[in-house]
Amino acid sequence: MSDREIGTVKWFNNSKGYGFIERDTGDDVFVHFRAIRGDGFRTLKDGQKVEFNLIDSQKGLQAEDVSQTDIADSDM
């Protein structure tokens, strides 16, 4: 029943498999690679716009079901 949110990847460490997404409200949300949609190696790029569900875990707010937004990414 939760609405999807849009945020910007603040940073993501590929070797550790986690990082943080900045919500539109300015709050930071933890994200783990297991929460990223996709097959194979799942990662996020700093500054990337993403869409996600927000869950309240034992350790605080966490992003779940993370996907890239429809906003065009100019990276190659």
Protein backbone atom coordinates (compact mmCIF):
# COMPACT_ATOMS: atom_id res chain seq x y z
CA MET A 1 0.00 0.00 0.00
CA SER A 2 3.01 2.29 0.10
CA ASP A 3 3.55 4.80 -2.67
CA ARG A 4 6.75 4.62 -4.70
CA GLU A 5 9.23 7.40 -4.09
CA ILE A 6 11.82 8.99 -6.37
CA GLY A 7 15.27 9.84 -5.13
CA THR A 8 18.89 10.32 -6.17
CA VAL A 9 21.71 7.90 -5.40
CA LYS A 10 23.98 9.74 -2.97
CA TRP A 11 26.67 7.05 -3.11
CA PHE A 12 26.92 3.30 -3.68
CA ASN A 13 29.90 1.08 -2.85
CA ASN A 14 30.07 -1.83 -5.31
CA SER A 15 32.53 -3.88 -3.25
CA LYS A 16 30.42 -3.62 -0.08
CA GLY A 17 27.09 -3.82 -1.89
CA TYR A 18 25.31 -0.93 -0.22
CA GLY A 19 24.88 2.83 -0.25
CA PHE A 20 22.40 5.62 0.32
CA ILE A 21 19.62 7.28 -1.67
CA GLU A 22 18.64 10.89 -0.98
CA ARG A 23 14.87 11.29 -0.91
CA ASP A 24 13.15 14.38 -2.33
CA THR A 25 12.53 15.40 1.30
CA GLY A 26 16.29 15.49 1.87
CA ASP A 27 16.44 12.42 4.13
CA ASP A 28 18.92 9.64 3.33
CA VAL A 29 17.74 6.05 2.97
CA PHE A 30 19.92 2.92 3.17
CA VAL A 31 19.95 0.65 0.09
CA HIS A 32 21.43 -2.86 -0.22
CA PHE A 33 22.23 -4.49 -3.57
CA ARG A 34 19.58 -7.18 -2.92
CA ALA A 35 16.91 -4.43 -3.06
CA ILE A 36 17.87 -3.46 -6.64
CA ARG A 37 15.72 -4.89 -9.45
CA GLY A 38 17.54 -6.85 -12.13
CA ASP A 39 19.57 -9.93 -12.93
CA GLY A 40 23.29 -10.43 -12.59
CA PHE A 41 25.47 -7.74 -11.02
CA ARG A 42 23.18 -5.16 -9.41
CA THR A 43 24.62 -1.73 -8.77
CA LEU A 44 23.72 1.96 -8.72
CA LYS A 45 25.60 5.03 -9.98
CA ASP A 46 26.17 8.16 -7.91
CA GLY A 47 23.66 10.81 -9.02
CA GLN A 48 21.35 8.26 -10.68
CA LYS A 49 17.59 8.88 -10.34
CA VAL A 50 15.78 5.86 -8.91
CA GLU A 51 12.30 4.83 -7.87
CA PHE A 52 11.77 2.72 -4.75
CA ASN A 53 9.48 1.59 -1.96
CA LEU A 54 10.29 2.67 1.56
CA ILE A 55 10.23 0.16 4.42
CA ASP A 56 10.85 0.63 8.13
CA SER A 57 13.35 -2.06 9.13
CA GLN A 58 14.86 -2.75 12.55
CA LYS A 59 17.76 -0.46 11.60
CA GLY A 60 15.61 2.38 10.24
CA LEU A 61 14.29 3.41 6.85
CA GLN A 62 15.45 1.29 3.93
CA ALA A 63 14.84 1.33 0.17
CA GLU A 64 13.21 -1.77 -1.31
CA ASP A 65 12.38 -2.78 -4.91
CA VAL A 66 14.74 -0.13 -6.36
CA SER A 67 14.55 0.57 -10.11
CA GLN A 68 15.88 3.17 -12.52
CA THR A 69 13.40 5.92 -13.34
CA ASP A 70 12.23 6.74 -16.86
CA ILE A 71 14.40 9.87 -16.79
CA ALA A 72 17.02 9.55 -19.54
CA ASP A 73 20.56 8.87 -18.35
CA SER A 74 23.20 10.57 -20.51
CA ASP A 75 25.96 8.19 -19.38
CA MET A 76 27.39 5.72 -21.86
